[in-house]
Amino acid sequence: MTSGPDEIPPIYCMSAPANEPRRARMRRRMDEVGLTCSFLSTALTGGDVRQLVAGSGRTEPAGFEHRTAAVMLGHLELIRRFVEETRAPHGIVCEDDVYLRRTIKRDLPSIVRNFDTRGLDVLLLGYLWPWRDDEPGYRFCDYDDELWGTQMYLLSRSQAIHLIETYTLDWALAHWAVRPFSPDWIITKTGRRARLSPMLAVEEGEVGTTHAGQVDFHRRCAAAQYDPANYL
């Protein structure tokens, strides 16, 4: 698969095979905006990562988070598929619990052209942001290390190759004390970066944790960004 300057990058979705209701919902939303996506073929659990570490012969660092590492390895698997299955210059990864901007298919080609003009490595198309942006048109904004969320992001091919060649499980075990093996700490914080405003993908607002602060933050972000007139 290749893509020209006005074509849509291949899209990959972080969705566990066992969670068919979420996959079906994302298929429906992609269909409604005229896009397609490929889903994660296998999903590692924290227990799987624990076994991988044990079988590697390496010493596991204190506090190593197996579940977070499993999520990161899932993202890397999708990025690897983009590199190996296509020759496209850009790829998109998204989560499976996001609303999509109704005009995403129309808007993506010009956004990709601006991505290239600015020489970016990663552009966040969906992230956690508890403030509403009602200004017309798209803006490419800087962000600092306190911005979180990988609801949807666009990568250059060169950045994708760098990520899968650099951030292995061995790297994670060697660097855990200084840098968590997490998409929020690596994929969104490595290279020349920007965030798109308004977003192309907005999360639904529910999160699989009992941490009250995180639950509240995710819901506030969804409430601030979601508008049924713009997203479905």
Protein backbone atom coordinates (compact mmCIF):
# COMPACT_ATOMS: atom_id res chain seq x y z
CA MET A 1 0.00 0.00 0.00
CA THR A 2 1.23 3.47 -0.87
CA SER A 3 -0.27 6.91 -0.43
CA GLY A 4 0.11 10.16 -2.31
CA PRO A 5 0.04 13.67 -0.86
CA ASP A 6 -3.78 13.88 -0.99
CA GLU A 7 -4.55 10.36 0.18
CA ILE A 8 -5.54 9.19 3.64
CA PRO A 9 -2.77 7.56 5.71
CA PRO A 10 -3.43 3.97 6.81
CA ILE A 11 -5.21 3.89 10.16
CA TYR A 12 -4.60 1.32 12.92
CA CYS A 13 -6.76 0.94 16.00
CA MET A 14 -5.74 -0.15 19.49
CA SER A 15 -8.49 -2.63 20.26
CA ALA A 16 -8.20 -6.01 21.94
CA PRO A 17 -9.62 -8.86 19.80
CA ALA A 18 -11.80 -9.99 22.71
CA ASN A 19 -13.58 -6.63 22.91
CA GLU A 20 -15.82 -7.05 19.89
CA PRO A 21 -18.46 -4.49 21.00
CA ARG A 22 -15.86 -1.71 20.98
CA ARG A 23 -14.47 -2.90 17.66
CA ALA A 24 -17.94 -2.94 16.16
CA ARG A 25 -18.57 0.59 17.40
CA MET A 26 -15.31 1.84 15.88
CA ARG A 27 -16.04 0.06 12.58
CA ARG A 28 -19.41 1.80 12.46
CA ARG A 29 -17.90 5.20 13.19
CA MET A 30 -15.15 4.72 10.61
CA ASP A 31 -17.75 3.62 8.05
CA GLU A 32 -19.87 6.67 8.76
CA VAL A 33 -16.98 9.07 8.08
CA GLY A 34 -15.84 7.08 5.03
CA LEU A 35 -12.65 5.62 6.51
CA THR A 36 -11.34 2.14 7.31
CA CYS A 37 -8.95 0.92 9.97
CA SER A 38 -7.04 -2.20 10.90
CA PHE A 39 -7.31 -3.56 14.41
CA LEU A 40 -4.77 -5.04 16.80
CA SER A 41 -4.47 -8.75 16.02
CA THR A 42 -3.30 -9.81 19.48
CA ALA A 43 -3.36 -7.98 22.80
CA LEU A 44 -0.79 -8.57 25.50
CA THR A 45 -1.82 -8.50 29.14
CA GLY A 46 0.28 -7.50 32.11
CA GLY A 47 0.72 -11.18 32.85
CA ASP A 48 2.04 -11.78 29.34
CA VAL A 49 4.64 -9.05 29.81
CA ARG A 50 5.64 -10.51 33.17
CA GLN A 51 6.35 -13.81 31.43
CA LEU A 52 8.28 -12.10 28.63
CA VAL A 53 10.48 -10.34 31.17
CA ALA A 54 11.03 -13.55 33.12
CA GLY A 55 12.02 -15.38 29.93
CA SER A 56 14.39 -12.64 28.80
CA GLY A 57 16.94 -13.39 31.49
CA ARG A 58 17.11 -9.69 32.40
CA THR A 59 16.64 -8.34 35.89
CA GLU A 60 13.28 -6.66 36.28
CA PRO A 61 13.62 -3.13 37.70
CA ALA A 62 11.72 -2.20 40.83
CA GLY A 63 8.24 -0.89 40.15
CA PHE A 64 8.14 -2.02 36.51
CA GLU A 65 4.52 -1.67 35.36
CA HIS A 66 3.57 -4.72 33.32
CA ARG A 67 0.14 -3.45 32.26
CA THR A 68 1.54 -0.12 31.03
CA ALA A 69 4.26 -1.97 29.13
CA ALA A 70 1.61 -4.18 27.53
CA VAL A 71 -0.20 -1.09 26.22
CA MET A 72 3.05 0.34 24.87
CA LEU A 73 3.90 -2.93 23.12
CA GLY A 74 0.44 -2.88 21.53
CA HIS A 75 1.07 0.58 20.10
CA LEU A 76 4.47 -0.53 18.83
CA GLU A 77 2.90 -3.58 17.17
CA LEU A 78 0.49 -1.36 15.23
CA ILE A 79 3.31 1.00 14.28
CA ARG A 80 5.36 -1.99 13.10
CA ARG A 81 2.46 -3.17 10.96
CA PHE A 82 2.22 0.27 9.37
CA VAL A 83 5.93 0.11 8.48
CA GLU A 84 5.92 -3.49 7.27
CA GLU A 85 2.53 -3.66 5.54
CA THR A 86 2.67 -0.35 3.65
CA ARG A 87 5.00 2.04 1.91
CA ALA A 88 2.90 5.02 2.97
CA PRO A 89 4.83 8.08 4.21
CA HIS A 90 2.46 8.57 7.17
CA GLY A 91 0.43 6.39 9.49
CA ILE A 92 -2.29 6.98 12.08
CA VAL A 93 -2.92 5.09 15.32
CA CYS A 94 -6.06 5.59 17.37
CA GLU A 95 -7.80 4.11 20.40
CA ASP A 96 -11.10 2.24 20.15
CA ASP A 97 -13.19 4.50 22.39
CA VAL A 98 -13.16 7.77 20.45
CA TYR A 99 -15.69 9.89 18.62
CA LEU A 100 -14.53 10.93 15.16
CA ARG A 101 -14.82 14.38 13.66
CA ARG A 102 -17.46 14.29 10.95
CA THR A 103 -15.15 16.03 8.46
CA ILE A 104 -12.05 13.95 9.24
CA LYS A 105 -11.78 12.39 5.77
CA ARG A 106 -12.05 15.76 4.05
CA ASP A 107 -9.65 17.45 6.47
CA LEU A 108 -6.85 14.88 6.72
CA PRO A 109 -5.05 15.58 3.39
CA SER A 110 -4.45 19.26 4.17
CA ILE A 111 -3.47 18.41 7.75
CA VAL A 112 -0.91 15.89 6.45
CA ARG A 113 0.48 18.48 4.03
CA ASN A 114 0.89 20.95 6.90
CA PHE A 115 2.51 18.19 8.97
CA ASP A 116 5.15 17.78 6.25
CA THR A 117 5.63 21.51 5.74
CA ARG A 118 6.37 21.90 9.44
CA GLY A 119 8.77 18.95 9.45
CA LEU A 120 6.93 17.16 12.24
CA ASP A 121 7.55 13.64 13.51
CA VAL A 122 4.30 13.27 15.48
CA LEU A 123 1.03 15.18 15.50
CA LEU A 124 -1.55 14.51 18.20
CA LEU A 125 -4.98 14.38 16.56
CA GLY A 126 -6.77 13.40 19.79
CA TYR A 127 -5.59 13.85 23.39
CA LEU A 128 -6.75 14.83 26.86
CA TRP A 129 -7.60 18.53 26.99
CA PRO A 130 -10.27 19.87 29.39
CA TRP A 131 -10.83 23.18 27.56
CA ARG A 132 -13.10 23.86 24.58
CA ASP A 133 -11.65 25.43 21.43
CA ASP A 134 -14.30 27.14 19.29
CA GLU A 135 -12.01 29.15 17.01
CA PRO A 136 -12.54 28.38 13.31
CA GLY A 137 -9.95 26.39 11.38
CA TYR A 138 -7.20 24.00 12.45
CA ARG A 139 -4.14 25.11 14.39
CA PHE A 140 -0.86 23.30 15.05
CA CYS A 141 0.02 24.01 18.69
CA ASP A 142 3.09 23.31 20.81
CA TYR A 143 2.70 21.26 23.98
CA ASP A 144 4.79 20.44 27.01
CA ASP A 145 5.51 17.23 28.87
CA GLU A 146 2.37 17.59 30.99
CA LEU A 147 0.03 16.85 28.10
CA TRP A 148 -1.37 13.32 28.12
CA GLY A 149 -3.42 11.08 25.89
CA THR A 150 -2.94 8.98 22.75
CA GLN A 151 -6.52 9.00 21.51
CA MET A 152 -5.22 9.49 17.94
CA TYR A 153 -1.84 10.46 16.49
CA LEU A 154 -0.15 10.85 13.11
CA LEU A 155 3.43 9.64 12.58
CA SER A 156 5.94 10.10 9.81
CA ARG A 157 7.35 6.88 8.43
CA SER A 158 10.87 7.78 9.59
CA GLN A 159 9.60 8.38 13.12
CA ALA A 160 7.70 5.11 13.09
CA ILE A 161 10.86 3.23 12.14
CA HIS A 162 12.80 5.02 14.86
CA LEU A 163 10.22 4.06 17.49
CA ILE A 164 10.06 0.36 16.68
CA GLU A 165 13.84 0.04 16.31
CA THR A 166 14.62 1.92 19.54
CA TYR A 167 11.94 1.25 22.12
CA THR A 168 12.10 -2.49 22.68
CA LEU A 169 11.31 -4.38 25.86
CA ASP A 170 15.05 -4.59 26.52
CA TRP A 171 15.22 -0.80 26.28
CA ALA A 172 12.31 -0.54 28.71
CA LEU A 173 13.99 -2.72 31.31
CA ALA A 174 17.25 -0.78 31.01
CA HIS A 175 15.67 2.69 31.21
CA TRP A 176 12.64 2.23 33.44
CA ALA A 177 14.11 4.24 36.31
CA VAL A 178 14.38 7.38 34.15
CA ARG A 179 11.63 6.98 31.55
CA PRO A 180 8.41 4.94 31.88
CA PHE A 181 7.71 2.53 29.02
CA SER A 182 4.45 4.21 28.08
CA PRO A 183 2.95 5.82 24.94
CA ASP A 184 2.39 9.03 26.92
CA TRP A 185 6.08 9.21 27.82
CA ILE A 186 7.61 8.01 24.56
CA ILE A 187 5.38 8.16 21.46
CA THR A 188 3.93 11.59 22.23
CA LYS A 189 7.13 13.06 23.68
CA THR A 190 9.77 11.94 21.15
CA GLY A 191 10.78 13.94 18.10
CA ARG A 192 9.43 17.19 16.70
CA ARG A 193 5.86 17.33 17.91
CA ALA A 194 2.62 19.31 17.85
CA ARG A 195 -1.04 18.93 18.74
CA LEU A 196 -3.93 19.69 16.43
CA SER A 197 -6.74 21.94 17.60
CA PRO A 198 -9.61 21.25 17.33
CA MET A 199 -9.14 17.50 17.56
CA LEU A 200 -10.07 14.87 15.01
CA ALA A 201 -10.82 12.29 17.73
CA VAL A 202 -12.38 12.81 21.15
CA GLU A 203 -12.53 10.08 23.76
CA GLU A 204 -15.84 8.82 25.08
CA GLY A 205 -14.91 9.76 28.64
CA GLU A 206 -14.89 6.43 30.46
CA VAL A 207 -11.61 4.97 31.70
CA GLY A 208 -10.77 1.53 33.10
CA THR A 209 -9.53 2.63 36.51
CA THR A 210 -10.94 3.31 39.95
CA HIS A 211 -8.62 6.28 40.49
CA ALA A 212 -11.08 9.10 41.20
CA GLY A 213 -8.82 11.83 39.84
CA GLN A 214 -8.29 10.06 36.52
CA VAL A 215 -11.96 9.20 36.17
CA ASP A 216 -12.93 12.83 36.74
CA PHE A 217 -10.24 14.19 34.40
CA HIS A 218 -11.21 11.91 31.50
CA ARG A 219 -14.87 12.80 31.89
CA ARG A 220 -14.10 16.53 31.99
CA CYS A 221 -11.99 16.25 28.85
CA ALA A 222 -14.75 14.40 27.00
CA ALA A 223 -17.39 16.88 28.17
CA ALA A 224 -15.28 19.84 27.04
CA GLN A 225 -14.50 18.44 23.58
CA TYR A 226 -17.50 16.38 22.48
CA ASP A 227 -20.16 18.09 20.43
CA PRO A 228 -22.57 15.87 18.47
CA ALA A 229 -22.70 18.51 15.74
CA ASN A 230 -19.00 17.93 15.04
CA TYR A 231 -18.31 14.36 16.21
CA LEU A 232 -20.03 10.99 15.85
